[in-house]
Amino acid sequence: FVRLLRGFLSHDGVVGGKERWWAGKKQFDFLCNNEINETNTAKSIEDRVERLLHELSAPESYEKKPESDIEAVERGLNFIMHLAVDEENFKTFGSDIFQTFYDVSTTAEEPLRKFALLRTEVAAQMWLKHYPTLLPSLNTEEADAEEEEQQETTEKKTQKKKKENERTGPSSDEVLDFIMGIYTLERVGIGHDSKEEVRAAAAKFKAEDFFLVPASSFNPTSDTLDPPLGHSEYIQALNNAFYASKVGIDVHVDLAGVLQLLPLYRPYKKYTVEFSKDSDTFSDWSEQLTMVFNLIHVLSNNGELRLSPGLLPQEVSLLESPIQMKRAIAFGDVHLVGEICHCLKVVGFNEDTHDSLKKGMEYLRDSQEVESGAWPARDGADDGYTRYHAAMCAISALNPQRFRGFGPSDTRVYKYLVQSRMYTRFKRKSGSQNAESGVGDLYGSETFINAPLQDMSAFSSLEEYYQCTSSSVFHEIQMSAQIYGKSRLKEILAARKRTKRYSGSKIGDVSRRKRKRKSDDEDWTSPAVEKEV
C-alpha cells in the first residue's frame, strides 16, 4: 500500500510563496541547506541567489572523463547553468532551463538531488526576476527611455506611440511560455502573482491561437484519415495542453482532447530504406520519433512517473527497434540517442537487459566533451538553444533516476490510452480494453511493477501540507490516487504476493467507504479484497 503511494512527491514541505523557498521540515528542506528557514526575507533570498549565481555560473574546465553517470550529469548541468547566465539565452529559453533543473532534481538521489536543486533555486529566482508580470508595463519602458525620447523627431514619436497602442496585451506565445514557467514554479512550491492575469489573457484567445486549428479538429470522425496537424505542430499541441492542464488554465483543449488525434499518426512508418542526414526523409523520420518522445514526456511528467509499456505498445515497439538506435548513433545525433534512451527507461527497460539501450548509453558517455562537459549539437550547431538541447537530452538519459510513481496522472488520459492503445487511423473500433482492469500485464509487467521509486510520506499526511488546491501538485495527487487505487493496487499486490493487513483508509473512489472485514485474519491479498479493489 505504501509502495503504491510513494513517489508522487519526493519532498514533504509546506507550499510557500515566492519569498519562502520550500521552508518545510528540516529533513525535507527543499534546498537541503540549513541556511534557509521560515524567517527569510526577500532581501536575504536575493543576496543568496546572487551569491549562488556567481558561484555556479563560472565556466569549469575538466581534464579527464567523468568517472560515473552522476558526475557526467553534474558537468552537463554546470554547462547549462553557464548558458543560463547569458541574458539573451535566458530570455529565449529560460523556461526550458528552469524545467530541466527541476526534472533532474525531482528524480535524482543525493548528492545529485542537492546539486540540481541549488540550480533550480537560482533558475526560479532568475525567472521571477525576468518575468514579474505577464506583460511589462509600457509606462516603465517609457520612463527608462525618457532621455532618448527627447531627442526623437515628431515622426518617430508618432510611430512609437502607434506601436504601443497596438500592443494591448500579450501574444498567445507569451501566454504559453508564462504557463510553462508557472507550472515549474508550482511544482517546487512557489506561486506567481500573475497567474490570474495569465488566466484572463488566455481567455481572450481562441483554440486556433494556441493549437493552429479549431477545437472541433480534436474530435475526429471515423472517416478522418489524415491528422489536421503535422508532427511538429502536434508536438507543440501536446506540450501546450499538458502545461495548461497542469496549472488549471483553460486554453480550450486539454491533454485528453489532444490525444484524440494520436491514432491518426499510427501506424508509424518504419523507414527501413537507408537515407542520408541531408535528405527530407531524415527530417520526417526524426520528427516522427520526436513526436513519440514528447508524447512519453507529457504522460510521465517529463520523466517523473514510470509508464507501463502496455499503455503505448505501438510507440514502445517503434522506439525499442534496434534500427532506431543504430541509425541515431550512425548519424552522431546526441539529441535522438538521448531521447530514445530516456524514453526506454521511462517505460521500464534498462541497459543490463536491453542491448540497444546499452549501446545508446555508452555512446552518450563517450561523446561528452571532456573540457566543457557539454555534448556535440546536431550538425555542429553552436547556438545556445541547440547546445542546451543536446545537453538536456543526454542528461535526461544518464540521470540514474528513481521514479516518483506511475503515470499518467490524469484519469481521462489513462482511460483513453487503455481504450485506444491499438487504434490506428485505419482501425479505431477494436483492440480496446476495460480501463478498470489495468494494463501492467500487457507488456513487461514485472519490470513495470518493480520500478525504483522515491520514498514519500503516507498519503493521509499530504493534504496537511498541500492546502493550495489550485496547484498542479495537489491536483495530480488526487488524480493519481484515483487511477492507482483502482487500476494498479490489485496488480502490485498479486505480483508481490505479500501479506499485509489493512491499517488505514483506502484511496481514490474507495477512500471514503468503510470496508466490512469478514474476519481479523483477512489480508490485502485475499480474493475477497482483490475483488473489491
Protein backbone atom coordinates (compact mmCIF):
# COMPACT_ATOMS: atom_id res chain seq x y z
CA PHE A 1 0.00 0.00 0.00
CA VAL A 2 2.81 2.39 0.88
CA ARG A 3 4.74 1.39 -2.24
CA LEU A 4 1.69 2.26 -4.31
CA LEU A 5 1.53 5.76 -2.88
CA ARG A 6 5.19 6.61 -2.55
CA GLY A 7 6.88 8.76 -5.13
CA PHE A 8 4.15 11.16 -6.22
CA LEU A 9 6.02 13.79 -4.24
CA SER A 10 9.58 13.29 -3.10
CA HIS A 11 9.56 16.33 -0.85
CA ASP A 12 7.45 16.78 2.28
CA GLY A 13 7.18 20.51 2.88
CA VAL A 14 4.90 23.46 3.02
CA VAL A 15 3.80 25.28 -0.10
CA GLY A 16 5.24 28.75 0.12
CA GLY A 17 5.14 32.00 -1.78
CA LYS A 18 7.95 33.35 -3.85
CA GLU A 19 9.66 34.66 -0.69
CA ARG A 20 9.67 31.25 1.01
CA TRP A 21 11.71 28.70 -0.85
CA TRP A 22 10.28 25.41 0.35
CA ALA A 23 10.86 26.08 4.04
CA GLY A 24 9.46 22.81 5.25
CA LYS A 25 10.57 20.32 7.85
CA LYS A 26 14.31 20.19 8.33
CA GLN A 27 14.71 16.71 6.87
CA PHE A 28 12.71 17.69 3.79
CA ASP A 29 14.15 21.16 3.30
CA PHE A 30 13.86 21.75 -0.43
CA LEU A 31 17.30 23.29 -0.63
CA CYS A 32 18.97 20.66 1.56
CA ASN A 33 20.59 23.62 3.28
CA ASN A 34 20.12 24.83 6.83
CA GLU A 35 20.58 28.47 5.83
CA ILE A 36 17.02 28.57 4.55
CA ASN A 37 14.29 28.88 7.17
CA GLU A 38 10.90 30.47 7.68
CA THR A 39 12.33 33.83 8.75
CA ASN A 40 13.97 34.51 5.39
CA THR A 41 13.24 37.86 3.83
CA ALA A 42 13.15 38.80 0.17
CA LYS A 43 16.46 40.61 0.59
CA SER A 44 18.24 37.62 2.10
CA ILE A 45 16.98 35.35 -0.66
CA GLU A 46 18.08 37.86 -3.28
CA ASP A 47 21.55 38.03 -1.74
CA ARG A 48 21.75 34.26 -1.58
CA VAL A 49 20.70 33.86 -5.20
CA GLU A 50 23.26 36.40 -6.36
CA ARG A 51 25.97 34.59 -4.42
CA LEU A 52 24.91 31.20 -5.81
CA LEU A 53 24.66 32.59 -9.32
CA HIS A 54 28.20 33.88 -9.08
CA GLU A 55 29.45 30.56 -7.71
CA LEU A 56 27.52 28.25 -10.03
CA SER A 57 27.76 30.09 -13.34
CA ALA A 58 31.54 30.26 -13.62
CA PRO A 59 32.57 28.01 -16.52
CA GLU A 60 34.50 24.96 -15.39
CA SER A 61 37.19 23.17 -17.34
CA TYR A 62 37.82 19.47 -16.87
CA GLU A 63 40.84 17.39 -17.74
CA LYS A 64 39.51 13.85 -17.84
CA LYS A 65 36.35 11.90 -18.50
CA PRO A 66 33.77 11.66 -15.68
CA GLU A 67 34.04 8.52 -13.59
CA SER A 68 30.29 7.98 -13.19
CA ASP A 69 26.95 8.92 -14.73
CA ILE A 70 26.25 11.21 -11.79
CA GLU A 71 29.45 13.13 -12.43
CA ALA A 72 28.59 13.35 -16.14
CA VAL A 73 25.17 14.78 -15.29
CA GLU A 74 26.71 17.31 -12.90
CA ARG A 75 29.06 18.53 -15.61
CA GLY A 76 26.17 18.82 -18.03
CA LEU A 77 24.14 20.84 -15.52
CA ASN A 78 27.11 23.15 -14.99
CA PHE A 79 27.28 23.72 -18.72
CA ILE A 80 23.56 24.57 -18.87
CA MET A 81 23.97 26.90 -15.88
CA HIS A 82 26.72 28.68 -17.76
CA LEU A 83 24.36 29.14 -20.72
CA ALA A 84 21.64 30.46 -18.42
CA VAL A 85 23.82 33.36 -17.25
CA ASP A 86 23.67 34.85 -20.72
CA GLU A 87 20.66 37.16 -20.58
CA GLU A 88 19.76 36.58 -24.22
CA ASN A 89 19.79 32.82 -23.70
CA PHE A 90 17.60 33.03 -20.62
CA LYS A 91 15.20 35.35 -22.37
CA THR A 92 14.90 32.90 -25.28
CA PHE A 93 14.71 29.55 -23.45
CA GLY A 94 14.88 30.32 -19.73
CA SER A 95 11.70 28.35 -19.03
CA ASP A 96 13.27 25.26 -20.62
CA ILE A 97 16.40 25.63 -18.50
CA PHE A 98 14.32 26.03 -15.35
CA GLN A 99 12.31 22.92 -16.28
CA THR A 100 15.48 20.87 -16.89
CA PHE A 101 16.96 21.60 -13.47
CA TYR A 102 13.67 20.69 -11.84
CA ASP A 103 13.26 17.46 -13.84
CA VAL A 104 16.67 16.22 -12.71
CA SER A 105 16.19 17.21 -9.09
CA THR A 106 12.81 15.55 -8.77
CA THR A 107 14.04 12.05 -9.65
CA ALA A 108 17.67 12.18 -8.53
CA GLU A 109 19.11 10.86 -5.30
CA GLU A 110 21.70 12.58 -3.16
CA PRO A 111 24.15 14.13 -3.83
CA LEU A 112 22.84 14.83 -7.36
CA ARG A 113 19.50 15.97 -5.98
CA LYS A 114 21.05 18.76 -3.94
CA PHE A 115 23.33 19.67 -6.85
CA ALA A 116 20.33 20.11 -9.16
CA LEU A 117 18.13 21.80 -6.53
CA LEU A 118 20.61 24.60 -5.98
CA ARG A 119 20.48 25.37 -9.67
CA THR A 120 16.71 25.04 -9.64
CA GLU A 121 16.58 27.70 -6.94
CA VAL A 122 18.74 30.11 -8.91
CA ALA A 123 16.79 29.48 -12.14
CA ALA A 124 13.50 30.03 -10.34
CA GLN A 125 14.54 33.38 -8.91
CA MET A 126 16.03 34.40 -12.26
CA TRP A 127 12.74 33.53 -13.94
CA LEU A 128 10.74 35.54 -11.41
CA LYS A 129 13.07 38.47 -11.92
CA HIS A 130 12.79 38.33 -15.71
CA TYR A 131 9.02 37.78 -15.67
CA PRO A 132 7.49 39.68 -12.72
CA THR A 133 4.30 40.18 -14.73
CA LEU A 134 2.85 38.76 -17.91
CA LEU A 135 3.42 41.94 -19.90
CA PRO A 136 5.89 44.61 -18.71
CA SER A 137 4.32 48.00 -18.11
CA LEU A 138 4.68 50.36 -21.02
CA ASN A 139 4.92 53.20 -18.55
CA THR A 140 8.07 51.65 -17.09
CA GLU A 141 9.55 51.30 -20.54
CA GLU A 142 8.79 54.94 -21.27
CA ALA A 143 10.45 56.07 -18.04
CA ASP A 144 13.61 54.13 -18.85
CA ALA A 145 13.78 55.71 -22.31
CA GLU A 146 12.75 59.25 -21.37
CA GLU A 147 16.09 60.79 -22.24
CA GLU A 148 16.17 59.05 -25.60
CA GLU A 149 12.64 60.15 -26.44
CA GLN A 150 13.53 63.81 -26.01
CA GLN A 151 15.88 63.53 -28.98
CA GLU A 152 13.41 61.82 -31.30
CA THR A 153 11.63 63.60 -34.09
CA THR A 154 7.87 64.06 -34.09
CA GLU A 155 7.51 61.38 -36.76
CA LYS A 156 9.42 58.78 -34.72
CA LYS A 157 7.34 59.58 -31.65
CA THR A 158 4.14 59.08 -33.64
CA GLN A 159 5.30 55.71 -34.95
CA LYS A 160 6.32 54.55 -31.49
CA LYS A 161 3.00 55.63 -29.99
CA LYS A 162 1.18 53.68 -32.69
CA LYS A 163 3.13 50.52 -31.87
CA GLU A 164 2.39 50.95 -28.17
CA ASN A 165 -1.32 51.29 -28.87
CA GLU A 166 -1.23 48.10 -30.92
CA ARG A 167 0.41 46.27 -28.04
CA THR A 168 -2.70 45.98 -25.94
CA GLY A 169 -1.91 42.59 -24.48
CA PRO A 170 0.40 39.57 -24.60
CA SER A 171 0.57 37.25 -27.57
CA SER A 172 -0.57 33.63 -27.37
CA ASP A 173 3.09 32.53 -27.40
CA GLU A 174 3.85 34.78 -24.43
CA VAL A 175 0.89 33.31 -22.55
CA LEU A 176 2.05 29.75 -23.26
CA ASP A 177 5.62 30.49 -22.20
CA PHE A 178 4.35 32.01 -18.97
CA ILE A 179 2.17 28.96 -18.31
CA MET A 180 5.23 26.71 -18.62
CA GLY A 181 7.12 28.83 -16.11
CA ILE A 182 4.21 28.86 -13.65
CA TYR A 183 3.98 25.07 -13.92
CA THR A 184 7.58 24.60 -12.84
CA LEU A 185 7.24 27.21 -10.09
CA GLU A 186 4.21 25.43 -8.67
CA ARG A 187 5.98 22.09 -8.79
CA VAL A 188 8.57 23.41 -6.36
CA GLY A 189 6.05 25.21 -4.16
CA ILE A 190 6.29 28.78 -5.44
CA GLY A 191 3.30 30.82 -6.51
CA HIS A 192 3.24 33.63 -9.07
CA ASP A 193 1.23 36.80 -8.60
CA SER A 194 0.33 36.92 -12.29
CA LYS A 195 -1.42 33.57 -12.56
CA GLU A 196 -4.87 35.16 -12.66
CA GLU A 197 -3.55 37.68 -15.16
CA VAL A 198 -2.42 34.79 -17.35
CA ARG A 199 -5.80 33.08 -16.95
CA ALA A 200 -7.61 36.24 -18.06
CA ALA A 201 -5.24 36.71 -21.02
CA ALA A 202 -5.71 33.10 -22.15
CA ALA A 203 -9.49 33.52 -22.15
CA LYS A 204 -9.20 36.19 -24.85
CA PHE A 205 -7.72 33.75 -27.35
CA LYS A 206 -9.38 31.04 -29.40
CA ALA A 207 -8.22 27.43 -29.64
CA GLU A 208 -6.62 28.09 -33.02
CA ASP A 209 -4.39 30.75 -31.46
CA PHE A 210 -2.84 28.08 -29.23
CA PHE A 211 -3.14 24.98 -31.45
CA LEU A 212 -3.35 26.39 -35.02
CA VAL A 213 -6.66 24.57 -35.60
CA PRO A 214 -10.17 24.98 -34.13
CA ALA A 215 -11.18 22.95 -31.08
CA SER A 216 -13.53 20.90 -33.27
CA SER A 217 -10.49 19.45 -35.07
CA PHE A 218 -9.64 17.46 -31.95
CA ASN A 219 -12.79 15.36 -32.31
CA PRO A 220 -12.05 13.35 -35.47
CA THR A 221 -14.82 11.28 -37.01
CA SER A 222 -14.47 7.66 -38.02
CA ASP A 223 -13.95 8.81 -41.62
CA THR A 224 -10.97 11.02 -40.74
CA LEU A 225 -7.72 9.52 -42.02
CA ASP A 226 -5.31 12.44 -42.07
CA PRO A 227 -4.34 14.40 -38.95
CA PRO A 228 -5.03 18.16 -39.10
CA LEU A 229 -1.57 18.90 -37.70
CA GLY A 230 1.89 17.89 -38.82
CA HIS A 231 4.27 16.17 -36.42
CA SER A 232 5.91 19.42 -35.28
CA GLU A 233 2.58 21.15 -34.74
CA TYR A 234 1.23 18.15 -32.83
CA ILE A 235 4.29 18.17 -30.59
CA GLN A 236 3.55 21.79 -29.73
CA ALA A 237 -0.12 20.97 -29.12
CA LEU A 238 0.81 18.16 -26.69
CA ASN A 239 3.05 20.43 -24.66
CA ASN A 240 0.66 23.38 -24.68
CA ALA A 241 -2.23 21.24 -23.45
CA PHE A 242 -0.07 19.48 -20.87
CA TYR A 243 1.22 22.61 -19.15
CA ALA A 244 -2.13 24.40 -19.31
CA SER A 245 -3.95 21.39 -17.85
CA LYS A 246 -1.46 21.08 -15.02
CA VAL A 247 -1.75 24.69 -13.89
CA GLY A 248 -5.51 24.78 -14.35
CA ILE A 249 -5.65 27.42 -17.09
CA ASP A 250 -8.21 26.88 -19.84
CA VAL A 251 -6.84 27.00 -23.38
CA HIS A 252 -9.99 25.42 -24.86
CA VAL A 253 -8.41 21.97 -25.40
CA ASP A 254 -6.90 19.79 -22.68
CA LEU A 255 -4.42 16.92 -22.97
CA ALA A 256 -7.14 14.29 -23.19
CA GLY A 257 -8.60 16.20 -26.13
CA VAL A 258 -5.27 16.48 -27.94
CA LEU A 259 -4.72 12.73 -27.56
CA GLN A 260 -7.86 12.09 -29.59
CA LEU A 261 -5.68 12.76 -32.64
CA LEU A 262 -2.97 10.25 -31.69
CA PRO A 263 -4.44 7.28 -33.62
CA LEU A 264 -4.32 9.37 -36.81
CA TYR A 265 -0.50 9.25 -36.69
CA ARG A 266 -0.49 5.45 -36.47
CA PRO A 267 0.71 3.10 -37.76
CA TYR A 268 4.18 4.58 -37.66
CA LYS A 269 6.42 4.49 -40.71
CA LYS A 270 9.31 2.06 -40.45
CA TYR A 271 11.83 3.83 -42.72
CA THR A 272 13.67 0.59 -43.47
CA VAL A 273 15.43 2.03 -46.53
CA GLU A 274 18.65 3.83 -45.69
CA PHE A 275 18.80 7.59 -46.19
CA SER A 276 21.27 10.41 -45.69
CA LYS A 277 21.15 13.02 -42.96
CA ASP A 278 20.67 15.78 -45.51
CA SER A 279 17.56 14.24 -47.04
CA ASP A 280 13.92 15.07 -46.39
CA THR A 281 13.48 11.52 -45.19
CA PHE A 282 15.75 12.22 -42.21
CA SER A 283 13.57 15.18 -41.27
CA ASP A 284 10.39 13.07 -41.48
CA TRP A 285 11.94 10.21 -39.52
CA SER A 286 13.30 12.43 -36.75
CA GLU A 287 10.02 14.37 -36.45
CA GLN A 288 8.08 11.13 -36.05
CA LEU A 289 10.44 9.98 -33.31
CA THR A 290 10.34 13.40 -31.63
CA MET A 291 6.56 13.27 -31.53
CA VAL A 292 6.72 9.93 -29.71
CA PHE A 293 9.33 11.34 -27.33
CA ASN A 294 7.11 14.26 -26.42
CA LEU A 295 4.09 12.00 -26.01
CA ILE A 296 6.01 9.98 -23.41
CA HIS A 297 7.27 13.16 -21.77
CA VAL A 298 3.82 14.63 -21.15
CA LEU A 299 2.39 11.32 -19.95
CA SER A 300 5.26 10.79 -17.50
CA ASN A 301 5.54 14.41 -16.29
CA ASN A 302 8.84 14.71 -18.15
CA GLY A 303 10.22 11.53 -16.65
CA GLU A 304 8.89 11.79 -13.08
CA LEU A 305 6.46 8.86 -13.45
CA ARG A 306 7.04 5.37 -14.76
CA LEU A 307 4.77 4.34 -17.64
CA SER A 308 3.58 0.86 -18.43
CA PRO A 309 4.62 -0.18 -21.96
CA GLY A 310 1.14 -1.65 -22.27
CA LEU A 311 -0.33 1.85 -22.48
CA LEU A 312 1.65 2.67 -25.62
CA PRO A 313 2.53 -0.65 -27.29
CA GLN A 314 2.86 0.84 -30.78
CA GLU A 315 5.12 3.66 -29.61
CA VAL A 316 7.26 1.34 -27.49
CA SER A 317 7.61 -1.08 -30.40
CA LEU A 318 8.87 1.79 -32.56
CA LEU A 319 11.44 3.02 -30.03
CA GLU A 320 12.86 -0.32 -28.97
CA SER A 321 13.51 -1.42 -32.53
CA PRO A 322 17.32 -1.72 -32.85
CA ILE A 323 17.28 0.17 -36.15
CA GLN A 324 16.28 3.41 -34.42
CA MET A 325 19.25 3.46 -32.05
CA LYS A 326 21.65 2.16 -34.67
CA ARG A 327 20.62 4.90 -37.09
CA ALA A 328 20.74 7.67 -34.45
CA ILE A 329 24.26 6.64 -33.40
CA ALA A 330 25.39 6.37 -37.04
CA PHE A 331 24.19 9.94 -37.63
CA GLY A 332 26.01 11.06 -34.48
CA ASP A 333 22.81 12.66 -33.19
CA VAL A 334 23.04 13.11 -29.41
CA HIS A 335 19.54 14.59 -29.33
CA LEU A 336 17.91 11.43 -30.71
CA VAL A 337 20.14 8.97 -28.85
CA GLY A 338 19.45 10.69 -25.53
CA GLU A 339 15.71 10.87 -26.10
CA ILE A 340 15.46 7.20 -27.14
CA CYS A 341 17.41 6.12 -24.05
CA HIS A 342 15.38 8.27 -21.70
CA CYS A 343 12.03 7.12 -23.08
CA LEU A 344 13.03 3.45 -22.99
CA LYS A 345 13.94 3.85 -19.32
CA VAL A 346 10.60 5.53 -18.58
CA VAL A 347 8.69 2.53 -19.99
CA GLY A 348 10.71 0.03 -18.00
CA PHE A 349 13.79 -1.05 -19.95
CA ASN A 350 17.30 -0.99 -18.52
CA GLU A 351 20.70 -1.24 -20.13
CA ASP A 352 21.55 -4.50 -18.40
CA THR A 353 18.89 -6.36 -20.36
CA HIS A 354 18.31 -4.18 -23.45
CA ASP A 355 21.13 -4.16 -25.99
CA SER A 356 20.10 -1.02 -27.90
CA LEU A 357 19.70 0.96 -24.69
CA LYS A 358 23.12 -0.16 -23.54
CA LYS A 359 24.71 0.97 -26.81
CA GLY A 360 22.98 4.33 -26.58
CA MET A 361 24.12 4.94 -23.00
CA GLU A 362 27.70 4.04 -23.91
CA TYR A 363 27.56 6.44 -26.85
CA LEU A 364 26.40 9.29 -24.61
CA ARG A 365 29.19 8.62 -22.10
CA ASP A 366 31.82 8.54 -24.83
CA SER A 367 30.59 11.61 -26.71
CA GLN A 368 30.61 14.05 -23.78
CA GLU A 369 33.19 16.78 -24.28
CA VAL A 370 35.89 16.49 -21.63
CA GLU A 371 36.77 20.15 -21.26
CA SER A 372 33.32 21.75 -21.16
CA GLY A 373 31.07 18.89 -20.02
CA ALA A 374 28.74 19.53 -22.98
CA TRP A 375 27.72 17.28 -25.85
CA PRO A 376 28.07 17.95 -29.59
CA ALA A 377 24.94 19.51 -31.07
CA ARG A 378 23.22 18.39 -34.26
CA ASP A 379 25.06 19.41 -37.44
CA GLY A 380 27.75 21.10 -35.35
CA ALA A 381 25.40 23.94 -34.40
CA ASP A 382 26.88 26.45 -31.98
CA ASP A 383 23.81 28.47 -30.98
CA GLY A 384 22.76 28.49 -27.34
CA TYR A 385 19.49 26.61 -27.63
CA THR A 386 20.78 23.72 -29.76
CA ARG A 387 23.75 23.25 -27.42
CA TYR A 388 21.38 23.34 -24.46
CA HIS A 389 19.03 20.81 -26.04
CA ALA A 390 21.82 18.33 -26.75
CA ALA A 391 22.98 18.54 -23.14
CA MET A 392 19.43 18.23 -21.83
CA CYS A 393 18.74 15.07 -23.85
CA ALA A 394 21.98 13.43 -22.69
CA ILE A 395 21.41 14.44 -19.05
CA SER A 396 17.87 13.03 -19.06
CA ALA A 397 19.19 9.66 -20.22
CA LEU A 398 22.25 9.47 -17.96
CA ASN A 399 20.43 10.57 -14.81
CA PRO A 400 20.11 7.41 -12.66
CA GLN A 401 16.58 8.39 -11.78
CA ARG A 402 14.17 6.92 -9.30
CA PHE A 403 10.59 7.49 -10.36
CA ARG A 404 8.04 9.15 -8.12
CA GLY A 405 5.11 6.99 -9.11
CA PHE A 406 3.25 5.63 -12.10
CA GLY A 407 1.73 7.68 -14.89
CA PRO A 408 -0.22 9.19 -16.43
CA SER A 409 -1.74 11.18 -13.58
CA ASP A 410 -4.99 12.15 -15.27
CA THR A 411 -7.90 9.70 -15.15
CA ARG A 412 -9.38 10.70 -18.51
CA VAL A 413 -6.00 10.38 -20.21
CA TYR A 414 -5.38 6.99 -18.65
CA LYS A 415 -8.72 5.57 -19.68
CA TYR A 416 -8.43 6.84 -23.24
CA LEU A 417 -4.93 5.38 -23.64
CA VAL A 418 -6.15 1.98 -22.45
CA GLN A 419 -9.09 2.12 -24.81
CA SER A 420 -7.12 3.29 -27.85
CA ARG A 421 -3.75 1.63 -27.37
CA MET A 422 -4.17 -0.45 -30.54
CA TYR A 423 -6.06 2.16 -32.56
CA THR A 424 -4.67 3.40 -35.86
CA ARG A 425 -6.07 5.83 -38.40
CA PHE A 426 -7.44 2.82 -40.31
CA LYS A 427 -8.80 0.93 -37.32
CA ARG A 428 -10.41 2.67 -34.38
CA LYS A 429 -13.11 0.22 -33.37
CA SER A 430 -11.20 -2.71 -31.86
CA GLY A 431 -8.27 -3.50 -29.66
CA SER A 432 -9.74 -1.74 -26.65
CA GLN A 433 -9.58 -2.96 -23.10
CA ASN A 434 -11.54 -2.16 -19.99
CA ALA A 435 -9.74 0.70 -18.26
CA GLU A 436 -10.61 -0.66 -14.83
CA SER A 437 -8.60 -3.83 -15.35
CA GLY A 438 -5.18 -2.20 -15.58
CA VAL A 439 -2.59 -2.69 -18.29
CA GLY A 440 0.54 -3.84 -16.50
CA ASP A 441 0.31 -7.45 -17.72
CA LEU A 442 0.12 -6.43 -21.36
CA TYR A 443 3.80 -5.72 -21.71
CA GLY A 444 6.68 -6.07 -19.28
CA SER A 445 4.52 -6.26 -16.15
CA GLU A 446 7.24 -7.46 -13.80
CA THR A 447 9.68 -4.71 -14.80
CA PHE A 448 6.94 -2.13 -14.55
CA ILE A 449 5.82 -3.15 -11.07
CA ASN A 450 9.38 -3.32 -9.73
CA ALA A 451 10.19 0.22 -10.82
CA PRO A 452 12.61 2.03 -8.47
CA LEU A 453 10.52 4.65 -6.69
CA GLN A 454 11.29 7.54 -4.38
CA ASP A 455 10.16 7.34 -0.77
CA MET A 456 7.34 9.61 0.32
CA SER A 457 5.10 10.22 3.30
CA ALA A 458 1.78 8.48 3.74
CA PHE A 459 -1.00 9.84 1.56
CA SER A 460 -3.03 10.88 4.61
CA SER A 461 -0.42 13.48 5.54
CA LEU A 462 -0.20 15.17 2.15
CA GLU A 463 -3.32 17.27 2.47
CA GLU A 464 -1.88 18.76 5.64
CA TYR A 465 0.99 20.23 3.65
CA TYR A 466 -0.70 20.96 0.34
CA GLN A 467 -3.64 23.19 1.10
CA CYS A 468 -3.42 25.16 -2.15
CA THR A 469 -5.96 23.15 -4.14
CA SER A 470 -5.32 25.17 -7.29
CA SER A 471 -1.73 23.99 -7.55
CA SER A 472 -0.74 21.37 -10.10
CA VAL A 473 0.81 19.20 -7.38
CA PHE A 474 -2.34 18.90 -5.30
CA HIS A 475 -4.47 18.18 -8.37
CA GLU A 476 -2.06 15.49 -9.50
CA ILE A 477 -2.13 13.73 -6.13
CA GLN A 478 -5.88 13.45 -6.28
CA MET A 479 -5.95 12.20 -9.85
CA SER A 480 -3.10 9.74 -9.32
CA ALA A 481 -4.81 8.28 -6.27
CA GLN A 482 -7.96 7.60 -8.27
CA ILE A 483 -6.03 5.84 -11.01
CA TYR A 484 -3.76 3.68 -8.95
CA GLY A 485 -6.27 2.90 -6.27
CA LYS A 486 -8.49 1.23 -8.86
CA SER A 487 -6.10 0.02 -11.53
CA ARG A 488 -2.69 -0.68 -10.04
CA LEU A 489 -3.21 -1.87 -6.50
CA LYS A 490 -4.54 -5.27 -7.46
CA GLU A 491 -1.62 -5.90 -9.84
CA ILE A 492 1.03 -4.89 -7.36
CA LEU A 493 -0.44 -6.96 -4.56
CA ALA A 494 -0.84 -10.00 -6.77
CA ALA A 495 2.67 -9.72 -8.20
CA ARG A 496 4.47 -9.22 -4.92
CA LYS A 497 2.39 -11.84 -3.06
CA ARG A 498 2.88 -10.09 0.22
CA THR A 499 0.55 -10.45 3.17
CA LYS A 500 -0.17 -7.09 4.69
CA ARG A 501 -3.00 -6.18 6.96
CA TYR A 502 -5.24 -3.28 6.17
CA SER A 503 -4.38 -0.42 8.54
CA GLY A 504 -5.90 2.72 7.06
CA SER A 505 -8.41 4.24 4.70
CA LYS A 506 -8.23 3.43 1.02
CA ILE A 507 -7.56 5.88 -1.78
CA GLY A 508 -9.46 7.10 -4.79
CA ASP A 509 -13.14 6.28 -5.16
CA VAL A 510 -12.87 3.68 -2.41
CA SER A 511 -11.25 6.02 0.14
CA ARG A 512 -14.47 7.23 1.73
CA ARG A 513 -16.13 3.88 2.08
CA LYS A 514 -15.59 1.60 5.03
CA ARG A 515 -14.89 -1.98 4.21
CA LYS A 516 -16.53 -4.69 6.23
CA ARG A 517 -13.99 -7.29 7.14
CA LYS A 518 -15.20 -10.82 7.42
CA SER A 519 -12.54 -11.69 9.94
CA ASP A 520 -9.49 -10.26 11.60
CA ASP A 521 -7.35 -12.66 9.59
CA GLU A 522 -8.42 -11.26 6.24
CA ASP A 523 -5.48 -9.64 4.46
CA TRP A 524 -4.91 -7.46 1.40
CA THR A 525 -4.12 -10.31 -0.93
CA SER A 526 -7.23 -12.39 -0.23
CA PRO A 527 -9.61 -12.96 -3.17
CA ALA A 528 -12.40 -11.03 -1.44
CA VAL A 529 -10.27 -7.92 -1.01
CA GLU A 530 -8.81 -8.16 -4.50
CA LYS A 531 -12.29 -8.36 -5.95
CA GLU A 532 -13.40 -5.24 -4.09
CA VAL A 533 -10.26 -3.32 -5.03
